[in-house]
Amino acid sequence: MLTPRIFARPSFYTPDNGVDGSALEMGIELSIGSGATLLGWRGVTDVAAHFELAAALLWSVHSGCWAATLRIIHQGVWQEGIGPLDVGFGPTWMPTIEVRLEKRW
């Protein structure tokens, strides 16, 4: 799946007044995206469109160039029919919990 997204991320950011750039962040992330799903099955390749709408709660701890983030995501996905059996589905809820370790430069 390839999904370009547009998102808004309002959050509260509490920087530590120290030199190392430590901070705590808490907020939400709202996103919308649409893209292509590529399916290869028994030598046949097919491409179809999908649409995603998501909201995530996030908590993050920053220290210098590193960050640890917890995201609780509520996502709705719609998939157009794909493959020889026309596999597709209407709006489907996909809850996800994501833990990230990030390095910024």
PDB file of N, CA and C in Angstrom:
ATOM      1  N   MET A   1       0.838  -1.171   0.000  1.00  0.00           N
ATOM      2  CA  MET A   1       0.000   0.000   0.000  1.00  0.00           C
ATOM      3  C   MET A   1       0.887   1.239   0.000  1.00  0.00           C
ATOM      4  N   LEU A   2       0.562   2.183  -0.839  1.00  0.00           N
ATOM      5  CA  LEU A   2       1.248   3.461  -0.875  1.00  0.00           C
ATOM      6  C   LEU A   2       0.186   4.526  -0.618  1.00  0.00           C
ATOM      7  N   THR A   3       0.347   5.270   0.490  1.00  0.00           N
ATOM      8  CA  THR A   3      -0.686   6.210   0.918  1.00  0.00           C
ATOM      9  C   THR A   3      -0.109   7.576   1.253  1.00  0.00           C
ATOM     10  N   PRO A   4      -0.190   8.536   0.337  1.00  0.00           N
ATOM     11  CA  PRO A   4       0.150   9.906   0.725  1.00  0.00           C
ATOM     12  C   PRO A   4      -0.919  10.427   1.687  1.00  0.00           C
ATOM     13  N   ARG A   5      -0.517  11.163   2.707  1.00  0.00           N
ATOM     14  CA  ARG A   5      -1.456  11.645   3.728  1.00  0.00           C
ATOM     15  C   ARG A   5      -1.295  13.139   3.961  1.00  0.00           C
ATOM     16  N   ILE A   6      -2.396  13.746   4.342  1.00  0.00           N
ATOM     17  CA  ILE A   6      -2.392  15.116   4.840  1.00  0.00           C
ATOM     18  C   ILE A   6      -2.829  15.006   6.293  1.00  0.00           C
ATOM     19  N   PHE A   7      -2.091  15.641   7.202  1.00  0.00           N
ATOM     20  CA  PHE A   7      -2.487  15.521   8.602  1.00  0.00           C
ATOM     21  C   PHE A   7      -2.302  16.827   9.356  1.00  0.00           C
ATOM     22  N   ALA A   8      -3.064  16.937  10.428  1.00  0.00           N
ATOM     23  CA  ALA A   8      -2.945  18.048  11.374  1.00  0.00           C
ATOM     24  C   ALA A   8      -2.582  17.433  12.715  1.00  0.00           C
ATOM     25  N   ARG A   9      -1.662  18.066  13.433  1.00  0.00           N
ATOM     26  CA  ARG A   9      -1.184  17.498  14.691  1.00  0.00           C
ATOM     27  C   ARG A   9      -1.144  18.567  15.783  1.00  0.00           C
ATOM     28  N   PRO A  10      -2.317  18.980  16.283  1.00  0.00           N
ATOM     29  CA  PRO A  10      -2.294  19.913  17.412  1.00  0.00           C
ATOM     30  C   PRO A  10      -1.822  19.193  18.670  1.00  0.00           C
ATOM     31  N   SER A  11      -0.907  19.827  19.396  1.00  0.00           N
ATOM     32  CA  SER A  11      -0.386  19.172  20.590  1.00  0.00           C
ATOM     33  C   SER A  11       0.113  20.201  21.597  1.00  0.00           C
ATOM     34  N   PHE A  12       0.239  19.738  22.834  1.00  0.00           N
ATOM     35  CA  PHE A  12       0.846  20.519  23.899  1.00  0.00           C
ATOM     36  C   PHE A  12       2.292  20.073  24.005  1.00  0.00           C
ATOM     37  N   TYR A  13       3.198  21.003  23.965  1.00  0.00           N
ATOM     38  CA  TYR A  13       4.627  20.706  23.976  1.00  0.00           C
ATOM     39  C   TYR A  13       5.231  21.451  25.154  1.00  0.00           C
ATOM     40  N   THR A  14       5.752  20.719  26.135  1.00  0.00           N
ATOM     41  CA  THR A  14       6.316  21.354  27.332  1.00  0.00           C
ATOM     42  C   THR A  14       7.826  21.174  27.335  1.00  0.00           C
ATOM     43  N   PRO A  15       8.552  22.151  26.812  1.00  0.00           N
ATOM     44  CA  PRO A  15      10.015  22.008  26.776  1.00  0.00           C
ATOM     45  C   PRO A  15      10.635  22.190  28.145  1.00  0.00           C
ATOM     46  N   ASP A  16      11.679  21.405  28.389  1.00  0.00           N
ATOM     47  CA  ASP A  16      12.493  21.583  29.587  1.00  0.00           C
ATOM     48  C   ASP A  16      13.429  22.755  29.288  1.00  0.00           C
ATOM     49  N   ASN A  17      13.660  23.589  30.248  1.00  0.00           N
ATOM     50  CA  ASN A  17      14.520  24.751  30.020  1.00  0.00           C
ATOM     51  C   ASN A  17      16.008  24.406  30.017  1.00  0.00           C
ATOM     52  N   GLY A  18      16.307  23.121  30.049  1.00  0.00           N
ATOM     53  CA  GLY A  18      17.705  22.696  30.007  1.00  0.00           C
ATOM     54  C   GLY A  18      18.286  22.829  28.617  1.00  0.00           C
ATOM     55  N   VAL A  19      19.546  22.475  28.486  1.00  0.00           N
ATOM     56  CA  VAL A  19      20.270  22.638  27.233  1.00  0.00           C
ATOM     57  C   VAL A  19      20.044  21.470  26.275  1.00  0.00           C
ATOM     58  N   ASP A  20      19.714  20.279  26.780  1.00  0.00           N
ATOM     59  CA  ASP A  20      19.675  19.087  25.941  1.00  0.00           C
ATOM     60  C   ASP A  20      18.428  18.961  25.064  1.00  0.00           C
ATOM     61  N   GLY A  21      17.473  19.853  25.133  1.00  0.00           N
ATOM     62  CA  GLY A  21      16.290  19.803  24.280  1.00  0.00           C
ATOM     63  C   GLY A  21      15.244  18.820  24.745  1.00  0.00           C
ATOM     64  N   SER A  22      15.226  18.461  26.024  1.00  0.00           N
ATOM     65  CA  SER A  22      14.219  17.528  26.541  1.00  0.00           C
ATOM     66  C   SER A  22      12.845  18.178  26.531  1.00  0.00           C
ATOM     67  N   ALA A  23      11.811  17.374  26.290  1.00  0.00           N
ATOM     68  CA  ALA A  23      10.452  17.895  26.262  1.00  0.00           C
ATOM     69  C   ALA A  23       9.455  16.753  26.377  1.00  0.00           C
ATOM     70  N   LEU A  24       8.244  17.096  26.787  1.00  0.00           N
ATOM     71  CA  LEU A  24       7.117  16.167  26.781  1.00  0.00           C
ATOM     72  C   LEU A  24       6.095  16.708  25.792  1.00  0.00           C
ATOM     73  N   GLU A  25       5.437  15.808  25.067  1.00  0.00           N
ATOM     74  CA  GLU A  25       4.437  16.219  24.098  1.00  0.00           C
ATOM     75  C   GLU A  25       3.210  15.339  24.256  1.00  0.00           C
ATOM     76  N   MET A  26       2.034  15.950  24.178  1.00  0.00           N
ATOM     77  CA  MET A  26       0.780  15.206  24.245  1.00  0.00           C
ATOM     78  C   MET A  26      -0.174  15.875  23.264  1.00  0.00           C
ATOM     79  N   GLY A  27      -0.864  15.090  22.451  1.00  0.00           N
ATOM     80  CA  GLY A  27      -1.762  15.701  21.488  1.00  0.00           C
ATOM     81  C   GLY A  27      -2.551  14.691  20.691  1.00  0.00           C
ATOM     82  N   ILE A  28      -3.103  15.167  19.582  1.00  0.00           N
ATOM     83  CA  ILE A  28      -3.857  14.317  18.667  1.00  0.00           C
ATOM     84  C   ILE A  28      -3.314  14.516  17.261  1.00  0.00           C
ATOM     85  N   GLU A  29      -3.561  13.542  16.423  1.00  0.00           N
ATOM     86  CA  GLU A  29      -3.170  13.641  15.022  1.00  0.00           C
ATOM     87  C   GLU A  29      -4.353  13.188  14.182  1.00  0.00           C
ATOM     88  N   LEU A  30      -4.833  14.060  13.320  1.00  0.00           N
ATOM     89  CA  LEU A  30      -5.931  13.740  12.423  1.00  0.00           C
ATOM     90  C   LEU A  30      -5.373  13.661  11.011  1.00  0.00           C
ATOM     91  N   SER A  31      -5.695  12.584  10.278  1.00  0.00           N
ATOM     92  CA  SER A  31      -5.141  12.447   8.934  1.00  0.00           C
ATOM     93  C   SER A  31      -6.154  11.855   7.962  1.00  0.00           C
ATOM     94  N   ILE A  32      -5.940  12.182   6.703  1.00  0.00           N
ATOM     95  CA  ILE A  32      -6.754  11.646   5.617  1.00  0.00           C
ATOM     96  C   ILE A  32      -5.796  11.289   4.486  1.00  0.00           C
ATOM     97  N   GLY A  33      -6.033  10.164   3.845  1.00  0.00           N
ATOM     98  CA  GLY A  33      -5.137   9.744   2.777  1.00  0.00           C
ATOM     99  C   GLY A  33      -5.831   8.837   1.787  1.00  0.00           C
ATOM    100  N   SER A  34      -5.275   8.782   0.605  1.00  0.00           N
ATOM    101  CA  SER A  34      -5.790   7.906  -0.429  1.00  0.00           C
ATOM    102  C   SER A  34      -4.606   7.451  -1.262  1.00  0.00           C
ATOM    103  N   GLY A  35      -4.641   6.221  -1.702  1.00  0.00           N
ATOM    104  CA  GLY A  35      -3.497   5.719  -2.451  1.00  0.00           C
ATOM    105  C   GLY A  35      -3.810   4.443  -3.197  1.00  0.00           C
ATOM    106  N   ALA A  36      -2.769   3.727  -3.533  1.00  0.00           N
ATOM    107  CA  ALA A  36      -2.877   2.507  -4.328  1.00  0.00           C
ATOM    108  C   ALA A  36      -2.471   1.290  -3.501  1.00  0.00           C
ATOM    109  N   THR A  37      -3.200   0.197  -3.716  1.00  0.00           N
ATOM    110  CA  THR A  37      -2.862  -1.093  -3.126  1.00  0.00           C
ATOM    111  C   THR A  37      -2.411  -1.997  -4.263  1.00  0.00           C
ATOM    112  N   LEU A  38      -1.266  -2.612  -4.119  1.00  0.00           N
ATOM    113  CA  LEU A  38      -0.716  -3.513  -5.122  1.00  0.00           C
ATOM    114  C   LEU A  38      -0.809  -4.935  -4.579  1.00  0.00           C
ATOM    115  N   LEU A  39      -1.419  -5.837  -5.345  1.00  0.00           N
ATOM    116  CA  LEU A  39      -1.569  -7.226  -4.923  1.00  0.00           C
ATOM    117  C   LEU A  39      -0.985  -8.139  -5.991  1.00  0.00           C
ATOM    118  N   GLY A  40      -0.036  -8.985  -5.591  1.00  0.00           N
ATOM    119  CA  GLY A  40       0.519  -9.994  -6.481  1.00  0.00           C
ATOM    120  C   GLY A  40       0.105 -11.366  -5.972  1.00  0.00           C
ATOM    121  N   TRP A  41      -0.594 -12.151  -6.813  1.00  0.00           N
ATOM    122  CA  TRP A  41      -1.103 -13.448  -6.380  1.00  0.00           C
ATOM    123  C   TRP A  41      -1.130 -14.403  -7.547  1.00  0.00           C
ATOM    124  N   ARG A  42      -0.427 -15.525  -7.443  1.00  0.00           N
ATOM    125  CA  ARG A  42      -0.350 -16.567  -8.470  1.00  0.00           C
ATOM    126  C   ARG A  42       0.041 -16.007  -9.839  1.00  0.00           C
ATOM    127  N   GLY A  43       1.036 -15.129  -9.809  1.00  0.00           N
ATOM    128  CA  GLY A  43       1.555 -14.583 -11.056  1.00  0.00           C
ATOM    129  C   GLY A  43       0.742 -13.452 -11.655  1.00  0.00           C
ATOM    130  N   VAL A  44      -0.333 -13.057 -11.003  1.00  0.00           N
ATOM    131  CA  VAL A  44      -1.164 -11.958 -11.494  1.00  0.00           C
ATOM    132  C   VAL A  44      -0.982 -10.775 -10.546  1.00  0.00           C
ATOM    133  N   THR A  45      -0.746  -9.606 -11.114  1.00  0.00           N
ATOM    134  CA  THR A  45      -0.595  -8.394 -10.311  1.00  0.00           C
ATOM    135  C   THR A  45      -1.759  -7.463 -10.607  1.00  0.00           C
ATOM    136  N   ASP A  46      -2.348  -6.903  -9.553  1.00  0.00           N
ATOM    137  CA  ASP A  46      -3.483  -6.007  -9.706  1.00  0.00           C
ATOM    138  C   ASP A  46      -3.279  -4.783  -8.824  1.00  0.00           C
ATOM    139  N   VAL A  47      -3.832  -3.665  -9.239  1.00  0.00           N
ATOM    140  CA  VAL A  47      -3.736  -2.414  -8.490  1.00  0.00           C
ATOM    141  C   VAL A  47      -5.141  -1.867  -8.282  1.00  0.00           C
ATOM    142  N   ALA A  48      -5.430  -1.387  -7.075  1.00  0.00           N
ATOM    143  CA  ALA A  48      -6.729  -0.781  -6.770  1.00  0.00           C
ATOM    144  C   ALA A  48      -6.527   0.354  -5.784  1.00  0.00           C
ATOM    145  N   ALA A  49      -7.540   1.192  -5.664  1.00  0.00           N
ATOM    146  CA  ALA A  49      -7.466   2.358  -4.780  1.00  0.00           C
ATOM    147  C   ALA A  49      -7.962   2.025  -3.378  1.00  0.00           C
ATOM    148  N   HIS A  50      -7.450   2.755  -2.392  1.00  0.00           N
ATOM    149  CA  HIS A  50      -7.960   2.672  -1.023  1.00  0.00           C
ATOM    150  C   HIS A  50      -8.031   4.084  -0.438  1.00  0.00           C
ATOM    151  N   PHE A  51      -8.820   4.242   0.602  1.00  0.00           N
ATOM    152  CA  PHE A  51      -9.032   5.529   1.251  1.00  0.00           C
ATOM    153  C   PHE A  51      -8.935   5.324   2.759  1.00  0.00           C
ATOM    154  N   GLU A  52      -8.234   6.219   3.469  1.00  0.00           N
ATOM    155  CA  GLU A  52      -8.055   6.093   4.919  1.00  0.00           C
ATOM    156  C   GLU A  52      -8.404   7.399   5.622  1.00  0.00           C
ATOM    157  N   LEU A  53      -9.028   7.276   6.773  1.00  0.00           N
ATOM    158  CA  LEU A  53      -9.328   8.401   7.652  1.00  0.00           C
ATOM    159  C   LEU A  53      -8.924   7.960   9.053  1.00  0.00           C
ATOM    160  N   ALA A  54      -8.062   8.738   9.732  1.00  0.00           N
ATOM    161  CA  ALA A  54      -7.525   8.281  11.019  1.00  0.00           C
ATOM    162  C   ALA A  54      -7.443   9.409  12.037  1.00  0.00           C
ATOM    163  N   ALA A  55      -7.578   9.019  13.293  1.00  0.00           N
ATOM    164  CA  ALA A  55      -7.358   9.909  14.434  1.00  0.00           C
ATOM    165  C   ALA A  55      -6.476   9.149  15.420  1.00  0.00           C
ATOM    166  N   ALA A  56      -5.473   9.829  15.966  1.00  0.00           N
ATOM    167  CA  ALA A  56      -4.548   9.184  16.901  1.00  0.00           C
ATOM    168  C   ALA A  56      -4.320  10.073  18.113  1.00  0.00           C
ATOM    169  N   LEU A  57      -4.295   9.455  19.278  1.00  0.00           N
ATOM    170  CA  LEU A  57      -3.849  10.115  20.500  1.00  0.00           C
ATOM    171  C   LEU A  57      -2.365   9.832  20.620  1.00  0.00           C
ATOM    172  N   LEU A  58      -1.566  10.825  20.995  1.00  0.00           N
ATOM    173  CA  LEU A  58      -0.137  10.566  21.081  1.00  0.00           C
ATOM    174  C   LEU A  58       0.481  11.182  22.328  1.00  0.00           C
ATOM    175  N   TRP A  59       1.460  10.482  22.848  1.00  0.00           N
ATOM    176  CA  TRP A  59       2.278  10.920  23.979  1.00  0.00           C
ATOM    177  C   TRP A  59       3.723  10.698  23.568  1.00  0.00           C
ATOM    178  N   SER A  60       4.571  11.678  23.813  1.00  0.00           N
ATOM    179  CA  SER A  60       5.945  11.581  23.363  1.00  0.00           C
ATOM    180  C   SER A  60       6.894  12.197  24.393  1.00  0.00           C
ATOM    181  N   VAL A  61       8.060  11.580  24.544  1.00  0.00           N
ATOM    182  CA  VAL A  61       9.128  12.086  25.403  1.00  0.00           C
ATOM    183  C   VAL A  61      10.320  12.347  24.495  1.00  0.00           C
ATOM    184  N   HIS A  62      10.818  13.593  24.499  1.00  0.00           N
ATOM    185  CA  HIS A  62      11.956  13.984  23.670  1.00  0.00           C
ATOM    186  C   HIS A  62      13.165  14.228  24.566  1.00  0.00           C
ATOM    187  N   SER A  63      14.306  13.768  24.118  1.00  0.00           N
ATOM    188  CA  SER A  63      15.554  14.036  24.825  1.00  0.00           C
ATOM    189  C   SER A  63      16.647  14.199  23.778  1.00  0.00           C
ATOM    190  N   GLY A  64      17.086  15.426  23.604  1.00  0.00           N
ATOM    191  CA  GLY A  64      18.077  15.699  22.568  1.00  0.00           C
ATOM    192  C   GLY A  64      17.497  15.386  21.204  1.00  0.00           C
ATOM    193  N   CYS A  65      18.183  14.570  20.434  1.00  0.00           N
ATOM    194  CA  CYS A  65      17.698  14.203  19.098  1.00  0.00           C
ATOM    195  C   CYS A  65      16.839  12.937  19.121  1.00  0.00           C
ATOM    196  N   TRP A  66      16.577  12.346  20.281  1.00  0.00           N
ATOM    197  CA  TRP A  66      15.796  11.116  20.399  1.00  0.00           C
ATOM    198  C   TRP A  66      14.392  11.392  20.921  1.00  0.00           C
ATOM    199  N   ALA A  67      13.465  10.538  20.549  1.00  0.00           N
ATOM    200  CA  ALA A  67      12.097  10.628  21.061  1.00  0.00           C
ATOM    201  C   ALA A  67      11.500   9.226  21.148  1.00  0.00           C
ATOM    202  N   ALA A  68      10.692   9.000  22.160  1.00  0.00           N
ATOM    203  CA  ALA A  68       9.923   7.761  22.306  1.00  0.00           C
ATOM    204  C   ALA A  68       8.454   8.182  22.289  1.00  0.00           C
ATOM    205  N   THR A  69       7.659   7.560  21.414  1.00  0.00           N
ATOM    206  CA  THR A  69       6.281   7.978  21.206  1.00  0.00           C
ATOM    207  C   THR A  69       5.333   6.787  21.295  1.00  0.00           C
ATOM    208  N   LEU A  70       4.203   7.001  21.960  1.00  0.00           N
ATOM    209  CA  LEU A  70       3.113   6.033  22.004  1.00  0.00           C
ATOM    210  C   LEU A  70       1.943   6.657  21.263  1.00  0.00           C
ATOM    211  N   ARG A  71       1.399   5.948  20.272  1.00  0.00           N
ATOM    212  CA  ARG A  71       0.248   6.424  19.506  1.00  0.00           C
ATOM    213  C   ARG A  71      -0.872   5.383  19.582  1.00  0.00           C
ATOM    214  N   ILE A  72      -2.068   5.824  19.932  1.00  0.00           N
ATOM    215  CA  ILE A  72      -3.261   4.971  19.909  1.00  0.00           C
ATOM    216  C   ILE A  72      -4.101   5.473  18.745  1.00  0.00           C
ATOM    217  N   ILE A  73      -4.231   4.644  17.722  1.00  0.00           N
ATOM    218  CA  ILE A  73      -4.806   5.070  16.450  1.00  0.00           C
ATOM    219  C   ILE A  73      -6.169   4.413  16.233  1.00  0.00           C
ATOM    220  N   HIS A  74      -7.119   5.203  15.818  1.00  0.00           N
ATOM    221  CA  HIS A  74      -8.433   4.720  15.382  1.00  0.00           C
ATOM    222  C   HIS A  74      -8.529   5.094  13.909  1.00  0.00           C
ATOM    223  N   GLN A  75      -8.573   4.076  13.049  1.00  0.00           N
ATOM    224  CA  GLN A  75      -8.473   4.312  11.612  1.00  0.00           C
ATOM    225  C   GLN A  75      -9.601   3.612  10.875  1.00  0.00           C
ATOM    226  N   GLY A  76     -10.194   4.312   9.934  1.00  0.00           N
ATOM    227  CA  GLY A  76     -11.189   3.720   9.051  1.00  0.00           C
ATOM    228  C   GLY A  76     -10.581   3.558   7.667  1.00  0.00           C
ATOM    229  N   VAL A  77     -10.749   2.380   7.055  1.00  0.00           N
ATOM    230  CA  VAL A  77     -10.164   2.097   5.744  1.00  0.00           C
ATOM    231  C   VAL A  77     -11.250   1.562   4.817  1.00  0.00           C
ATOM    232  N   TRP A  78     -11.249   2.038   3.573  1.00  0.00           N
ATOM    233  CA  TRP A  78     -12.120   1.525   2.522  1.00  0.00           C
ATOM    234  C   TRP A  78     -11.227   1.049   1.389  1.00  0.00           C
ATOM    235  N   GLN A  79     -11.431  -0.190   0.921  1.00  0.00           N
ATOM    236  CA  GLN A  79     -10.608  -0.777  -0.133  1.00  0.00           C
ATOM    237  C   GLN A  79     -11.474  -1.120  -1.334  1.00  0.00           C
ATOM    238  N   GLU A  80     -11.100  -0.607  -2.506  1.00  0.00           N
ATOM    239  CA  GLU A  80     -11.781  -0.951  -3.748  1.00  0.00           C
ATOM    240  C   GLU A  80     -11.478  -2.406  -4.091  1.00  0.00           C
ATOM    241  N   GLY A  81     -12.349  -3.055  -4.846  1.00  0.00           N
ATOM    242  CA  GLY A  81     -12.139  -4.450  -5.246  1.00  0.00           C
ATOM    243  C   GLY A  81     -10.799  -4.659  -5.930  1.00  0.00           C
ATOM    244  N   ILE A  82     -10.112  -5.737  -5.572  1.00  0.00           N
ATOM    245  CA  ILE A  82      -8.766  -6.014  -6.099  1.00  0.00           C
ATOM    246  C   ILE A  82      -8.592  -7.519  -6.274  1.00  0.00           C
ATOM    247  N   GLY A  83      -7.804  -7.897  -7.256  1.00  0.00           N
ATOM    248  CA  GLY A  83      -7.481  -9.296  -7.471  1.00  0.00           C
ATOM    249  C   GLY A  83      -8.534 -10.023  -8.284  1.00  0.00           C
ATOM    250  N   PRO A  84      -8.267 -11.290  -8.609  1.00  0.00           N
ATOM    251  CA  PRO A  84      -9.180 -12.072  -9.447  1.00  0.00           C
ATOM    252  C   PRO A  84     -10.534 -12.348  -8.774  1.00  0.00           C
ATOM    253  N   LEU A  85     -10.581 -12.288  -7.445  1.00  0.00           N
ATOM    254  CA  LEU A  85     -11.843 -12.521  -6.738  1.00  0.00           C
ATOM    255  C   LEU A  85     -12.532 -11.209  -6.356  1.00  0.00           C
ATOM    256  N   ASP A  86     -12.022 -10.077  -6.862  1.00  0.00           N
ATOM    257  CA  ASP A  86     -12.578  -8.759  -6.571  1.00  0.00           C
ATOM    258  C   ASP A  86     -12.708  -8.538  -5.069  1.00  0.00           C
ATOM    259  N   VAL A  87     -11.621  -8.814  -4.345  1.00  0.00           N
ATOM    260  CA  VAL A  87     -11.609  -8.667  -2.898  1.00  0.00           C
ATOM    261  C   VAL A  87     -11.557  -7.179  -2.555  1.00  0.00           C
ATOM    262  N   GLY A  88     -12.511  -6.720  -1.816  1.00  0.00           N
ATOM    263  CA  GLY A  88     -12.570  -5.331  -1.381  1.00  0.00           C
ATOM    264  C   GLY A  88     -13.490  -5.264  -0.185  1.00  0.00           C
ATOM    265  N   PHE A  89     -13.550  -4.132   0.453  1.00  0.00           N
ATOM    266  CA  PHE A  89     -14.427  -4.009   1.608  1.00  0.00           C
ATOM    267  C   PHE A  89     -14.801  -2.553   1.798  1.00  0.00           C
ATOM    268  N   GLY A  90     -15.934  -2.367   2.420  1.00  0.00           N
ATOM    269  CA  GLY A  90     -16.412  -1.031   2.752  1.00  0.00           C
ATOM    270  C   GLY A  90     -15.667  -0.500   3.949  1.00  0.00           C
ATOM    271  N   PRO A  91     -16.171   0.546   4.573  1.00  0.00           N
ATOM    272  CA  PRO A  91     -15.478   1.114   5.726  1.00  0.00           C
ATOM    273  C   PRO A  91     -15.229   0.067   6.817  1.00  0.00           C
ATOM    274  N   THR A  92     -13.987  -0.064   7.222  1.00  0.00           N
ATOM    275  CA  THR A  92     -13.577  -1.018   8.245  1.00  0.00           C
ATOM    276  C   THR A  92     -12.765  -0.286   9.298  1.00  0.00           C
ATOM    277  N   TRP A  93     -13.060  -0.528  10.566  1.00  0.00           N
ATOM    278  CA  TRP A  93     -12.348   0.094  11.667  1.00  0.00           C
ATOM    279  C   TRP A  93     -11.109  -0.723  11.984  1.00  0.00           C
ATOM    280  N   MET A  94      -9.950  -0.066  12.064  1.00  0.00           N
ATOM    281  CA  MET A  94      -8.685  -0.742  12.337  1.00  0.00           C
ATOM    282  C   MET A  94      -7.996  -0.064  13.517  1.00  0.00           C
ATOM    283  N   PRO A  95      -8.289  -0.483  14.758  1.00  0.00           N
ATOM    284  CA  PRO A  95      -7.593   0.095  15.905  1.00  0.00           C
ATOM    285  C   PRO A  95      -6.144  -0.411  15.955  1.00  0.00           C
ATOM    286  N   THR A  96      -5.229   0.480  16.318  1.00  0.00           N
ATOM    287  CA  THR A  96      -3.807   0.136  16.343  1.00  0.00           C
ATOM    288  C   THR A  96      -3.124   0.840  17.507  1.00  0.00           C
ATOM    289  N   ILE A  97      -2.186   0.165  18.145  1.00  0.00           N
ATOM    290  CA  ILE A  97      -1.312   0.782  19.139  1.00  0.00           C
ATOM    291  C   ILE A  97       0.094   0.716  18.570  1.00  0.00           C
ATOM    292  N   GLU A  98       0.771   1.852  18.565  1.00  0.00           N
ATOM    293  CA  GLU A  98       2.073   1.947  17.925  1.00  0.00           C
ATOM    294  C   GLU A  98       3.072   2.564  18.893  1.00  0.00           C
ATOM    295  N   VAL A  99       4.233   1.948  19.031  1.00  0.00           N
ATOM    296  CA  VAL A  99       5.325   2.485  19.835  1.00  0.00           C
ATOM    297  C   VAL A  99       6.467   2.804  18.889  1.00  0.00           C
ATOM    298  N   ARG A 100       6.966   4.032  18.969  1.00  0.00           N
ATOM    299  CA  ARG A 100       8.038   4.462  18.060  1.00  0.00           C
ATOM    300  C   ARG A 100       9.254   4.937  18.841  1.00  0.00           C
ATOM    301  N   LEU A 101      10.411   4.632  18.324  1.00  0.00           N
ATOM    302  CA  LEU A 101      11.660   5.221  18.792  1.00  0.00           C
ATOM    303  C   LEU A 101      12.175   6.037  17.608  1.00  0.00           C
ATOM    304  N   GLU A 102      12.299   7.354  17.803  1.00  0.00           N
ATOM    305  CA  GLU A 102      12.609   8.256  16.694  1.00  0.00           C
ATOM    306  C   GLU A 102      13.931   8.968  16.924  1.00  0.00           C
ATOM    307  N   LYS A 103      14.640   9.236  15.845  1.00  0.00           N
ATOM    308  CA  LYS A 103      15.862  10.036  15.895  1.00  0.00           C
ATOM    309  C   LYS A 103      15.677  11.192  14.924  1.00  0.00           C
ATOM    310  N   ARG A 104      15.861  12.401  15.449  1.00  0.00           N
ATOM    311  CA  ARG A 104      15.729  13.598  14.610  1.00  0.00           C
ATOM    312  C   ARG A 104      17.114  14.167  14.326  1.00  0.00           C
ATOM    313  N   TRP A 105      17.266  14.747  13.145  1.00  0.00           N
ATOM    314  CA  TRP A 105      18.527  15.396  12.821  1.00  0.00           C
ATOM    315  C   TRP A 105      18.260  16.655  12.047  1.00  0.00           C
TER     316      TRP A 105
END
